Every structure is written in C-alpha cells, then in structure tokens.
C-alpha cells in the first residue's frame, strides 16, 4: 500500500536561557525554557534524506542565545515573536514557526537589618530567590502573515477555606459522597488565554502588564465567588478575564479538584468542626472548560498537555 507524508515539524526543544540585565548595581533576571518547532517544505528530508531545506536544530539553539543578546528579553511573548519572525522570513523553505516558552520568575532577596545599613538598601540588588507560585507559559505561532499568541500559566495552587458548597448532585447506588455545605475548595490552576492580536498592523499588547492583570483578575474571581461547584468558580475566573482584558478573546482552564476530606475524629472522642482535613493526592476530579468572548471561535486545544 502506498504511503504519503503527513503533518511534520522539527526543531530544538527546551533551550534553557538566562538573561542578566545589569542596570548599574541593580540586576534583572529573565529565565526561560524555549522550544522551537519549524515546518514547511520538508518532504525530501523524509523521503530521500536530503537535508537541502533543513536548518539544523543546533542552529535554532544558537539563534535563541544570540537573540537573547541581540534583542534582550523584554517579555516571553516578545522574545518568541522575534524568533518566529526570524525563522519564517529568513528561511524560504520554512512556512511556519511555533515557539513555546516557559518562564521561571525570580524575586530579590531582602537584606538583613544590619546588612541593609551596610549596603544602603532593603534588598540585595544582585541576589534572588526563585518564586514558587507558578510557571508562566506562552506559545507563538507565525506563518509569515498572521500571528497566534496563546499565553498562560501552570502549577498555580489556590485554596478557599470556606464559601464553597457541593450538594444537589445526581445520586445512584454507587454514590457515597456526602453533601457539603461548607467545604475547602482548592485547585492547581492550568490556564491558557488567546490574544486577539493577529497581525503587525494591530497595536501589540503590553505583554508583561497583560499577564499580571490577567492573573490578578483570575485570582480575584476565585476569591470572590461563593462557589456551589468548581465549574461555577472556573467560569467566573474566565469571564472576569474576558470582561476586563480587551486583548483576550478566549480562556481555557484545566482545574484538578484538590480534595480535602474531613477526618473522622469520633473514635478518639474528638469533634471535628471543619478543622482537620485529609488532603487527598489522587484520584481527583478534573474540571475543564473554555470561556469565550461572545462571537469568537474557540482555537485553544482542548487538551492542554499538547500546548
């Protein structure tokens, strides 16, 4: 039976680049994990092994580091845009570039009182501790004429210790879960949002401000929603983002319900008044949904593990 080549791509994955910007004695860090994926006229390398149209993956790696020096890293999105534009416009066989970036945040270490007087500052300007809240993400795709920028985050763990209920659900002969009228609601947020910036004629978003504001609105919605289900809370998180950030048309969340079960302390003669919980590791409920601006089409993949 004859065969033909289907979708294909290649590139260099997980290029770890750390850029230090020295502003006198004050230093700034950008810490990225950059993956480059290219596609285009690549049939011959698969059929015959001819590398005539192949830009070596080692070259894509070198480009990442050279661009960190040449352009700096203003934001993960801006850096990815520089890379994608370069690969598509500089190499005729390459028709599409996809740049995926994880960003790891750092914050300055506060100085001790004694040392603060010595160095004249409340924080050491060149010493940092890695933030542990979340990993920032972005994916930039460019085909020579249009852009798609999808940003987001993963591993952001949040909890409401009250103002959450779960009752009125379907029950059958296998249901053992008791209805809850005051429970812990906790999840580990994995979210992506798609920007409506698609071509160079549009005004580009302020990527750093957009990320911080999007995260703020998402967290505020989580905290301020009296929740009757994690689905309800998730929808409010996405709706708050779209209502407040005009540059974003689509949000997708994947939220594992990090269950906390009350421990039965009656065998020990103790009453557990919503005080002591068992934090269950697995299995967990997994709640996922896309929230869209009215009139817009969903484009973020349903399975976030492939993004």
C-alpha atoms as a PDB file:
ATOM      1  CA  UNK A   1       0.000   0.000   0.000  1.00  0.00           C
ATOM      2  CA  UNK A   2       1.482   3.425  -0.933  1.00  0.00           C
ATOM      3  CA  UNK A   3       2.181   5.901   1.857  1.00  0.00           C
ATOM      4  CA  UNK A   4       2.422   9.679   1.975  1.00  0.00           C
ATOM      5  CA  UNK A   5       3.908  12.068   4.492  1.00  0.00           C
ATOM      6  CA  UNK A   6       1.508  13.794   6.849  1.00  0.00           C
ATOM      7  CA  UNK A   7       1.977  16.713   9.224  1.00  0.00           C
ATOM      8  CA  UNK A   8       5.581  17.104  10.306  1.00  0.00           C
ATOM      9  CA  UNK A   9       7.758  19.544  12.208  1.00  0.00           C
ATOM     10  CA  UNK A  10      11.185  19.700  13.750  1.00  0.00           C
ATOM     11  CA  UNK A  11      13.281  21.944  15.968  1.00  0.00           C
ATOM     12  CA  UNK A  12      15.254  22.218  19.181  1.00  0.00           C
ATOM     13  CA  UNK A  13      13.310  21.702  22.391  1.00  0.00           C
ATOM     14  CA  UNK A  14      13.916  23.116  25.863  1.00  0.00           C
ATOM     15  CA  UNK A  15      16.720  25.582  25.285  1.00  0.00           C
ATOM     16  CA  UNK A  16      17.436  26.960  28.755  1.00  0.00           C
ATOM     17  CA  UNK A  17      18.440  30.604  28.535  1.00  0.00           C
ATOM     18  CA  UNK A  18      19.039  33.002  31.429  1.00  0.00           C
ATOM     19  CA  UNK A  19      19.499  36.679  30.563  1.00  0.00           C
ATOM     20  CA  UNK A  20      21.031  39.020  33.149  1.00  0.00           C
ATOM     21  CA  UNK A  21      20.442  42.723  32.532  1.00  0.00           C
ATOM     22  CA  UNK A  22      22.837  44.878  34.522  1.00  0.00           C
ATOM     23  CA  UNK A  23      21.482  48.315  35.338  1.00  0.00           C
ATOM     24  CA  UNK A  24      24.477  49.545  37.295  1.00  0.00           C
ATOM     25  CA  UNK A  25      24.490  47.673  40.594  1.00  0.00           C
ATOM     26  CA  UNK A  26      20.889  46.560  40.061  1.00  0.00           C
ATOM     27  CA  UNK A  27      20.490  43.363  38.082  1.00  0.00           C
ATOM     28  CA  UNK A  28      17.369  41.891  36.424  1.00  0.00           C
ATOM     29  CA  UNK A  29      16.762  38.238  35.501  1.00  0.00           C
ATOM     30  CA  UNK A  30      14.774  36.601  32.718  1.00  0.00           C
ATOM     31  CA  UNK A  31      14.839  32.795  32.969  1.00  0.00           C
ATOM     32  CA  UNK A  32      13.269  30.946  30.026  1.00  0.00           C
ATOM     33  CA  UNK A  33      12.875  27.442  28.634  1.00  0.00           C
ATOM     34  CA  UNK A  34      12.433  27.903  24.871  1.00  0.00           C
ATOM     35  CA  UNK A  35      11.282  25.249  22.390  1.00  0.00           C
ATOM     36  CA  UNK A  36      11.442  25.907  18.640  1.00  0.00           C
ATOM     37  CA  UNK A  37       9.373  23.950  16.113  1.00  0.00           C
ATOM     38  CA  UNK A  38       9.541  24.572  12.349  1.00  0.00           C
ATOM     39  CA  UNK A  39       7.534  23.222   9.401  1.00  0.00           C
ATOM     40  CA  UNK A  40       7.355  23.807   5.659  1.00  0.00           C
ATOM     41  CA  UNK A  41       8.873  22.194   2.558  1.00  0.00           C
ATOM     42  CA  UNK A  42      10.377  19.213   4.344  1.00  0.00           C
ATOM     43  CA  UNK A  43       9.143  16.320   2.198  1.00  0.00           C
ATOM     44  CA  UNK A  44      12.528  15.403   0.710  1.00  0.00           C
ATOM     45  CA  UNK A  45      14.329  15.018   4.007  1.00  0.00           C
ATOM     46  CA  UNK A  46      11.722  12.404   4.923  1.00  0.00           C
ATOM     47  CA  UNK A  47      11.537  10.681   1.545  1.00  0.00           C
ATOM     48  CA  UNK A  48      15.167  10.694   0.429  1.00  0.00           C
ATOM     49  CA  UNK A  49      17.142  12.015   3.381  1.00  0.00           C
ATOM     50  CA  UNK A  50      18.155  15.194   1.546  1.00  0.00           C
ATOM     51  CA  UNK A  51      18.924  17.950   4.034  1.00  0.00           C
ATOM     52  CA  UNK A  52      18.873  20.722   1.423  1.00  0.00           C
ATOM     53  CA  UNK A  53      15.938  22.503   3.093  1.00  0.00           C
ATOM     54  CA  UNK A  54      16.860  21.684   6.691  1.00  0.00           C
ATOM     55  CA  UNK A  55      18.089  24.366   9.052  1.00  0.00           C
ATOM     56  CA  UNK A  56      19.970  22.370  11.700  1.00  0.00           C
ATOM     57  CA  UNK A  57      18.338  22.225  15.102  1.00  0.00           C
ATOM     58  CA  UNK A  58      21.713  23.242  16.517  1.00  0.00           C
ATOM     59  CA  UNK A  59      21.347  26.494  14.552  1.00  0.00           C
ATOM     60  CA  UNK A  60      17.942  27.135  16.101  1.00  0.00           C
ATOM     61  CA  UNK A  61      19.524  26.661  19.515  1.00  0.00           C
ATOM     62  CA  UNK A  62      22.274  29.124  18.711  1.00  0.00           C
ATOM     63  CA  UNK A  63      19.695  31.615  17.446  1.00  0.00           C
ATOM     64  CA  UNK A  64      17.882  31.540  20.781  1.00  0.00           C
ATOM     65  CA  UNK A  65      21.029  32.528  22.659  1.00  0.00           C
ATOM     66  CA  UNK A  66      22.142  35.088  20.073  1.00  0.00           C
ATOM     67  CA  UNK A  67      18.722  36.763  20.114  1.00  0.00           C
ATOM     68  CA  UNK A  68      18.821  36.955  23.924  1.00  0.00           C
ATOM     69  CA  UNK A  69      21.898  39.121  23.491  1.00  0.00           C
ATOM     70  CA  UNK A  70      20.807  40.990  20.348  1.00  0.00           C
ATOM     71  CA  UNK A  71      17.231  41.836  21.338  1.00  0.00           C
ATOM     72  CA  UNK A  72      17.196  41.207  25.077  1.00  0.00           C
ATOM     73  CA  UNK A  73      14.143  39.605  26.683  1.00  0.00           C
ATOM     74  CA  UNK A  74      11.505  42.225  27.305  1.00  0.00           C
ATOM     75  CA  UNK A  75       8.873  39.517  27.765  1.00  0.00           C
ATOM     76  CA  UNK A  76       8.462  35.858  26.863  1.00  0.00           C
ATOM     77  CA  UNK A  77       5.921  36.834  24.212  1.00  0.00           C
ATOM     78  CA  UNK A  78       8.095  39.494  22.605  1.00  0.00           C
ATOM     79  CA  UNK A  79      11.110  37.187  22.563  1.00  0.00           C
ATOM     80  CA  UNK A  80       9.072  34.433  20.927  1.00  0.00           C
ATOM     81  CA  UNK A  81       7.767  36.868  18.312  1.00  0.00           C
ATOM     82  CA  UNK A  82      11.343  37.880  17.372  1.00  0.00           C
ATOM     83  CA  UNK A  83      12.303  34.212  16.971  1.00  0.00           C
ATOM     84  CA  UNK A  84       9.239  33.166  14.981  1.00  0.00           C
ATOM     85  CA  UNK A  85       9.524  36.103  12.594  1.00  0.00           C
ATOM     86  CA  UNK A  86      13.213  35.374  12.028  1.00  0.00           C
ATOM     87  CA  UNK A  87      12.813  31.695  11.157  1.00  0.00           C
ATOM     88  CA  UNK A  88       9.911  32.236   8.743  1.00  0.00           C
ATOM     89  CA  UNK A  89      11.325  35.294   6.969  1.00  0.00           C
ATOM     90  CA  UNK A  90      14.979  34.208   6.765  1.00  0.00           C
ATOM     91  CA  UNK A  91      14.466  30.641   5.503  1.00  0.00           C
ATOM     92  CA  UNK A  92      12.383  30.182   2.324  1.00  0.00           C
ATOM     93  CA  UNK A  93      11.514  26.501   2.971  1.00  0.00           C
ATOM     94  CA  UNK A  94      10.140  27.312   6.435  1.00  0.00           C
ATOM     95  CA  UNK A  95       6.492  28.353   6.283  1.00  0.00           C
ATOM     96  CA  UNK A  96       5.505  28.153   9.926  1.00  0.00           C
ATOM     97  CA  UNK A  97       7.288  28.578  13.228  1.00  0.00           C
ATOM     98  CA  UNK A  98       5.935  27.716  16.649  1.00  0.00           C
ATOM     99  CA  UNK A  99       7.787  28.956  19.717  1.00  0.00           C
ATOM    100  CA  UNK A 100       6.839  27.616  23.129  1.00  0.00           C
ATOM    101  CA  UNK A 101       8.290  29.291  26.217  1.00  0.00           C
ATOM    102  CA  UNK A 102       8.144  28.572  29.919  1.00  0.00           C
ATOM    103  CA  UNK A 103       9.253  31.436  32.155  1.00  0.00           C
ATOM    104  CA  UNK A 104      10.516  30.968  35.704  1.00  0.00           C
ATOM    105  CA  UNK A 105      10.174  34.004  37.942  1.00  0.00           C
ATOM    106  CA  UNK A 106      12.690  35.276  40.470  1.00  0.00           C
ATOM    107  CA  UNK A 107      12.392  37.884  43.211  1.00  0.00           C
ATOM    108  CA  UNK A 108      15.024  39.791  45.122  1.00  0.00           C
ATOM    109  CA  UNK A 109      16.265  38.623  48.498  1.00  0.00           C
ATOM    110  CA  UNK A 110      15.651  41.096  51.291  1.00  0.00           C
ATOM    111  CA  UNK A 111      18.728  42.192  53.207  1.00  0.00           C
ATOM    112  CA  UNK A 112      19.055  41.759  56.950  1.00  0.00           C
ATOM    113  CA  UNK A 113      18.758  44.908  59.062  1.00  0.00           C
ATOM    114  CA  UNK A 114      22.483  45.064  59.700  1.00  0.00           C
ATOM    115  CA  UNK A 115      23.475  44.406  56.119  1.00  0.00           C
ATOM    116  CA  UNK A 116      20.801  46.791  54.880  1.00  0.00           C
ATOM    117  CA  UNK A 117      22.576  49.631  56.616  1.00  0.00           C
ATOM    118  CA  UNK A 118      25.871  48.464  55.164  1.00  0.00           C
ATOM    119  CA  UNK A 119      24.734  48.305  51.541  1.00  0.00           C
ATOM    120  CA  UNK A 120      22.210  51.132  51.857  1.00  0.00           C
ATOM    121  CA  UNK A 121      19.210  49.154  50.636  1.00  0.00           C
ATOM    122  CA  UNK A 122      16.446  46.893  51.903  1.00  0.00           C
ATOM    123  CA  UNK A 123      17.230  44.255  49.313  1.00  0.00           C
ATOM    124  CA  UNK A 124      20.392  42.943  47.699  1.00  0.00           C
ATOM    125  CA  UNK A 125      20.293  44.111  44.105  1.00  0.00           C
ATOM    126  CA  UNK A 126      22.025  41.062  42.674  1.00  0.00           C
ATOM    127  CA  UNK A 127      20.665  38.236  44.821  1.00  0.00           C
ATOM    128  CA  UNK A 128      17.438  36.396  44.023  1.00  0.00           C
ATOM    129  CA  UNK A 129      15.242  33.557  45.194  1.00  0.00           C
ATOM    130  CA  UNK A 130      13.198  31.537  42.722  1.00  0.00           C
ATOM    131  CA  UNK A 131       9.464  32.202  43.041  1.00  0.00           C
ATOM    132  CA  UNK A 132       7.428  29.067  43.517  1.00  0.00           C
ATOM    133  CA  UNK A 133       3.890  30.190  42.715  1.00  0.00           C
ATOM    134  CA  UNK A 134       3.544  29.267  39.074  1.00  0.00           C
ATOM    135  CA  UNK A 135       5.289  28.763  35.758  1.00  0.00           C
ATOM    136  CA  UNK A 136       4.407  31.314  33.102  1.00  0.00           C
ATOM    137  CA  UNK A 137       3.781  29.994  29.588  1.00  0.00           C
ATOM    138  CA  UNK A 138       3.433  31.297  26.064  1.00  0.00           C
ATOM    139  CA  UNK A 139       3.163  29.842  22.574  1.00  0.00           C
ATOM    140  CA  UNK A 140       3.757  31.996  19.494  1.00  0.00           C
ATOM    141  CA  UNK A 141       2.856  30.700  16.028  1.00  0.00           C
ATOM    142  CA  UNK A 142       3.681  32.608  12.827  1.00  0.00           C
ATOM    143  CA  UNK A 143       3.095  31.646   9.187  1.00  0.00           C
ATOM    144  CA  UNK A 144       4.548  34.717   7.501  1.00  0.00           C
ATOM    145  CA  UNK A 145       1.334  36.728   7.534  1.00  0.00           C
ATOM    146  CA  UNK A 146      -0.614  36.107  10.734  1.00  0.00           C
ATOM    147  CA  UNK A 147       0.205  35.553  14.384  1.00  0.00           C
ATOM    148  CA  UNK A 148      -1.363  33.460  17.112  1.00  0.00           C
ATOM    149  CA  UNK A 149      -0.270  34.157  20.680  1.00  0.00           C
ATOM    150  CA  UNK A 150      -1.546  31.921  23.467  1.00  0.00           C
ATOM    151  CA  UNK A 151      -0.189  32.630  26.937  1.00  0.00           C
ATOM    152  CA  UNK A 152      -0.979  31.259  30.356  1.00  0.00           C
ATOM    153  CA  UNK A 153       0.345  29.542  33.439  1.00  0.00           C
ATOM    154  CA  UNK A 154       0.504  26.209  35.218  1.00  0.00           C
ATOM    155  CA  UNK A 155       1.019  24.890  38.756  1.00  0.00           C
ATOM    156  CA  UNK A 156      -0.669  27.841  40.493  1.00  0.00           C
ATOM    157  CA  UNK A 157      -2.169  26.306  43.649  1.00  0.00           C
ATOM    158  CA  UNK A 158      -5.075  28.203  45.230  1.00  0.00           C
ATOM    159  CA  UNK A 159      -7.465  27.492  48.090  1.00  0.00           C
ATOM    160  CA  UNK A 160     -10.639  28.869  49.638  1.00  0.00           C
ATOM    161  CA  UNK A 161     -11.048  27.536  53.182  1.00  0.00           C
ATOM    162  CA  UNK A 162     -14.778  28.339  53.181  1.00  0.00           C
ATOM    163  CA  UNK A 163     -17.524  29.860  50.971  1.00  0.00           C
ATOM    164  CA  UNK A 164     -17.772  26.627  48.987  1.00  0.00           C
ATOM    165  CA  UNK A 165     -20.570  24.058  48.900  1.00  0.00           C
ATOM    166  CA  UNK A 166     -21.377  20.921  46.901  1.00  0.00           C
ATOM    167  CA  UNK A 167     -24.831  19.415  47.071  1.00  0.00           C
ATOM    168  CA  UNK A 168     -27.895  18.592  44.971  1.00  0.00           C
ATOM    169  CA  UNK A 169     -25.933  16.309  42.638  1.00  0.00           C
ATOM    170  CA  UNK A 170     -27.117  13.095  40.968  1.00  0.00           C
ATOM    171  CA  UNK A 171     -27.086  10.062  43.263  1.00  0.00           C
ATOM    172  CA  UNK A 172     -27.225   6.410  42.325  1.00  0.00           C
ATOM    173  CA  UNK A 173     -26.469   3.128  44.092  1.00  0.00           C
ATOM    174  CA  UNK A 174     -22.719   3.791  43.860  1.00  0.00           C
ATOM    175  CA  UNK A 175     -22.835   7.267  45.408  1.00  0.00           C
ATOM    176  CA  UNK A 176     -21.272   7.505  48.860  1.00  0.00           C
ATOM    177  CA  UNK A 177     -20.174  11.157  48.878  1.00  0.00           C
ATOM    178  CA  UNK A 178     -21.976  13.228  51.479  1.00  0.00           C
ATOM    179  CA  UNK A 179     -23.344  16.634  50.576  1.00  0.00           C
ATOM    180  CA  UNK A 180     -21.182  19.515  51.792  1.00  0.00           C
ATOM    181  CA  UNK A 181     -22.428  22.946  52.822  1.00  0.00           C
ATOM    182  CA  UNK A 182     -19.067  24.300  53.971  1.00  0.00           C
ATOM    183  CA  UNK A 183     -16.006  22.788  52.351  1.00  0.00           C
ATOM    184  CA  UNK A 184     -12.468  23.593  51.262  1.00  0.00           C
ATOM    185  CA  UNK A 185     -12.164  24.434  47.564  1.00  0.00           C
ATOM    186  CA  UNK A 186      -8.635  24.015  46.237  1.00  0.00           C
ATOM    187  CA  UNK A 187      -7.146  23.512  42.804  1.00  0.00           C
ATOM    188  CA  UNK A 188      -3.900  23.699  40.840  1.00  0.00           C
ATOM    189  CA  UNK A 189      -4.615  26.084  38.003  1.00  0.00           C
ATOM    190  CA  UNK A 190      -3.503  25.329  34.459  1.00  0.00           C
ATOM    191  CA  UNK A 191      -4.831  28.069  32.198  1.00  0.00           C
ATOM    192  CA  UNK A 192      -4.274  29.476  28.721  1.00  0.00           C
ATOM    193  CA  UNK A 193      -5.626  32.610  27.107  1.00  0.00           C
ATOM    194  CA  UNK A 194      -5.595  33.615  23.441  1.00  0.00           C
ATOM    195  CA  UNK A 195      -4.895  37.164  22.345  1.00  0.00           C
ATOM    196  CA  UNK A 196      -6.801  38.844  19.508  1.00  0.00           C
ATOM    197  CA  UNK A 197      -3.572  40.392  18.207  1.00  0.00           C
ATOM    198  CA  UNK A 198      -3.016  38.566  14.908  1.00  0.00           C
ATOM    199  CA  UNK A 199      -1.103  40.871  12.541  1.00  0.00           C
ATOM    200  CA  UNK A 200       1.553  43.549  12.590  1.00  0.00           C
ATOM    201  CA  UNK A 201      -0.894  46.306  11.669  1.00  0.00           C
ATOM    202  CA  UNK A 202      -2.623  45.933  15.034  1.00  0.00           C
ATOM    203  CA  UNK A 203      -1.364  47.548  18.205  1.00  0.00           C
ATOM    204  CA  UNK A 204       0.613  44.954  20.116  1.00  0.00           C
ATOM    205  CA  UNK A 205      -0.461  44.251  23.728  1.00  0.00           C
ATOM    206  CA  UNK A 206       1.793  45.172  26.639  1.00  0.00           C
ATOM    207  CA  UNK A 207       2.691  41.569  27.379  1.00  0.00           C
ATOM    208  CA  UNK A 208       4.054  41.996  30.911  1.00  0.00           C
ATOM    209  CA  UNK A 209       1.149  44.156  32.102  1.00  0.00           C
ATOM    210  CA  UNK A 210      -1.362  41.862  30.431  1.00  0.00           C
ATOM    211  CA  UNK A 211      -0.008  38.817  32.254  1.00  0.00           C
ATOM    212  CA  UNK A 212      -0.024  40.458  35.668  1.00  0.00           C
ATOM    213  CA  UNK A 213      -3.523  41.892  35.207  1.00  0.00           C
ATOM    214  CA  UNK A 214      -4.921  38.639  33.829  1.00  0.00           C
ATOM    215  CA  UNK A 215      -3.557  36.713  36.781  1.00  0.00           C
ATOM    216  CA  UNK A 216      -4.955  39.344  39.159  1.00  0.00           C
ATOM    217  CA  UNK A 217      -8.481  39.150  37.746  1.00  0.00           C
ATOM    218  CA  UNK A 218      -8.363  35.352  37.729  1.00  0.00           C
ATOM    219  CA  UNK A 219      -7.350  35.183  41.390  1.00  0.00           C
ATOM    220  CA  UNK A 220      -9.843  37.836  42.445  1.00  0.00           C
ATOM    221  CA  UNK A 221     -12.651  35.889  40.790  1.00  0.00           C
ATOM    222  CA  UNK A 222     -11.551  32.725  42.587  1.00  0.00           C
ATOM    223  CA  UNK A 223     -11.515  34.501  45.938  1.00  0.00           C
ATOM    224  CA  UNK A 224     -14.740  36.471  45.488  1.00  0.00           C
ATOM    225  CA  UNK A 225     -17.025  33.759  44.054  1.00  0.00           C
ATOM    226  CA  UNK A 226     -19.237  31.988  46.570  1.00  0.00           C
ATOM    227  CA  UNK A 227     -18.919  28.588  44.981  1.00  0.00           C
ATOM    228  CA  UNK A 228     -21.570  25.914  44.560  1.00  0.00           C
ATOM    229  CA  UNK A 229     -19.294  23.987  42.202  1.00  0.00           C
ATOM    230  CA  UNK A 230     -15.765  24.241  40.868  1.00  0.00           C
ATOM    231  CA  UNK A 231     -17.322  24.637  37.422  1.00  0.00           C
ATOM    232  CA  UNK A 232     -19.076  27.799  38.568  1.00  0.00           C
ATOM    233  CA  UNK A 233     -15.862  29.228  40.003  1.00  0.00           C
ATOM    234  CA  UNK A 234     -13.909  28.328  36.862  1.00  0.00           C
ATOM    235  CA  UNK A 235     -16.439  30.079  34.634  1.00  0.00           C
ATOM    236  CA  UNK A 236     -16.274  33.212  36.779  1.00  0.00           C
ATOM    237  CA  UNK A 237     -12.461  33.186  36.552  1.00  0.00           C
ATOM    238  CA  UNK A 238     -12.575  33.109  32.764  1.00  0.00           C
ATOM    239  CA  UNK A 239     -15.430  35.598  32.482  1.00  0.00           C
ATOM    240  CA  UNK A 240     -13.633  38.081  34.751  1.00  0.00           C
ATOM    241  CA  UNK A 241     -10.570  37.916  32.493  1.00  0.00           C
ATOM    242  CA  UNK A 242     -12.529  38.483  29.289  1.00  0.00           C
ATOM    243  CA  UNK A 243     -14.639  41.255  30.838  1.00  0.00           C
ATOM    244  CA  UNK A 244     -11.561  43.169  31.977  1.00  0.00           C
ATOM    245  CA  UNK A 245      -8.921  42.420  29.334  1.00  0.00           C
ATOM    246  CA  UNK A 246      -9.984  43.540  25.866  1.00  0.00           C
ATOM    247  CA  UNK A 247      -6.896  41.963  24.260  1.00  0.00           C
ATOM    248  CA  UNK A 248      -8.063  38.431  25.211  1.00  0.00           C
ATOM    249  CA  UNK A 249     -10.872  36.578  23.402  1.00  0.00           C
ATOM    250  CA  UNK A 250     -10.590  33.048  24.791  1.00  0.00           C
ATOM    251  CA  UNK A 251      -9.607  31.369  28.049  1.00  0.00           C
ATOM    252  CA  UNK A 252      -9.259  27.643  28.751  1.00  0.00           C
ATOM    253  CA  UNK A 253      -8.782  26.095  32.168  1.00  0.00           C
ATOM    254  CA  UNK A 254      -7.879  22.629  33.369  1.00  0.00           C
ATOM    255  CA  UNK A 255      -8.546  22.502  37.114  1.00  0.00           C
ATOM    256  CA  UNK A 256      -7.952  19.393  39.201  1.00  0.00           C
ATOM    257  CA  UNK A 257     -10.113  19.454  42.309  1.00  0.00           C
ATOM    258  CA  UNK A 258      -7.623  19.039  45.147  1.00  0.00           C
ATOM    259  CA  UNK A 259      -9.975  17.257  47.523  1.00  0.00           C
ATOM    260  CA  UNK A 260      -9.841  17.868  51.269  1.00  0.00           C
ATOM    261  CA  UNK A 261     -11.869  15.398  53.318  1.00  0.00           C
ATOM    262  CA  UNK A 262     -12.826  15.854  56.953  1.00  0.00           C
ATOM    263  CA  UNK A 263     -11.071  13.335  59.182  1.00  0.00           C
ATOM    264  CA  UNK A 264     -13.323  11.254  61.418  1.00  0.00           C
ATOM    265  CA  UNK A 265     -12.049  12.002  64.925  1.00  0.00           C
ATOM    266  CA  UNK A 266     -15.004  10.467  66.797  1.00  0.00           C
ATOM    267  CA  UNK A 267     -13.090   7.228  67.563  1.00  0.00           C
ATOM    268  CA  UNK A 268     -10.807   9.414  69.693  1.00  0.00           C
ATOM    269  CA  UNK A 269     -13.660  11.214  71.427  1.00  0.00           C
ATOM    270  CA  UNK A 270     -12.991  14.403  69.463  1.00  0.00           C
ATOM    271  CA  UNK A 271     -15.370  16.550  67.435  1.00  0.00           C
ATOM    272  CA  UNK A 272     -14.038  17.732  64.089  1.00  0.00           C
ATOM    273  CA  UNK A 273     -15.743  21.077  63.499  1.00  0.00           C
ATOM    274  CA  UNK A 274     -14.382  21.686  59.981  1.00  0.00           C
ATOM    275  CA  UNK A 275     -10.864  21.935  61.367  1.00  0.00           C
ATOM    276  CA  UNK A 276      -8.830  18.845  60.429  1.00  0.00           C
ATOM    277  CA  UNK A 277      -8.762  17.549  56.857  1.00  0.00           C
ATOM    278  CA  UNK A 278      -7.079  14.820  54.888  1.00  0.00           C
ATOM    279  CA  UNK A 279      -5.540  16.310  51.718  1.00  0.00           C
ATOM    280  CA  UNK A 280      -6.098  13.637  49.073  1.00  0.00           C
ATOM    281  CA  UNK A 281      -3.446  13.208  46.404  1.00  0.00           C
ATOM    282  CA  UNK A 282      -5.422  11.057  43.957  1.00  0.00           C
ATOM    283  CA  UNK A 283      -7.802  10.288  42.408  1.00  0.00           C
ATOM    284  CA  UNK A 284      -9.110  13.788  41.791  1.00  0.00           C
ATOM    285  CA  UNK A 285     -11.929  15.406  39.893  1.00  0.00           C
ATOM    286  CA  UNK A 286     -10.689  17.151  36.759  1.00  0.00           C
ATOM    287  CA  UNK A 287     -12.770  20.119  35.619  1.00  0.00           C
ATOM    288  CA  UNK A 288     -12.057  21.695  32.220  1.00  0.00           C
ATOM    289  CA  UNK A 289     -13.777  24.331  30.086  1.00  0.00           C
ATOM    290  CA  UNK A 290     -13.279  27.097  27.549  1.00  0.00           C
ATOM    291  CA  UNK A 291     -14.720  30.576  28.164  1.00  0.00           C
ATOM    292  CA  UNK A 292     -15.131  32.764  25.079  1.00  0.00           C
ATOM    293  CA  UNK A 293     -15.887  36.340  24.201  1.00  0.00           C
ATOM    294  CA  UNK A 294     -19.300  36.333  22.527  1.00  0.00           C
ATOM    295  CA  UNK A 295     -18.953  35.903  18.779  1.00  0.00           C
ATOM    296  CA  UNK A 296     -15.442  34.419  18.930  1.00  0.00           C
ATOM    297  CA  UNK A 297     -14.346  30.953  17.853  1.00  0.00           C
ATOM    298  CA  UNK A 298     -12.531  28.525  20.162  1.00  0.00           C
ATOM    299  CA  UNK A 299      -8.974  27.837  18.999  1.00  0.00           C
ATOM    300  CA  UNK A 300      -7.097  26.777  22.132  1.00  0.00           C
ATOM    301  CA  UNK A 301      -6.623  22.973  22.068  1.00  0.00           C
ATOM    302  CA  UNK A 302      -8.965  21.053  24.335  1.00  0.00           C
ATOM    303  CA  UNK A 303      -6.050  19.005  25.665  1.00  0.00           C
ATOM    304  CA  UNK A 304      -3.704  21.482  27.337  1.00  0.00           C
ATOM    305  CA  UNK A 305      -0.984  18.818  27.653  1.00  0.00           C
ATOM    306  CA  UNK A 306      -0.369  19.332  23.935  1.00  0.00           C
ATOM    307  CA  UNK A 307       0.073  23.078  24.311  1.00  0.00           C
END
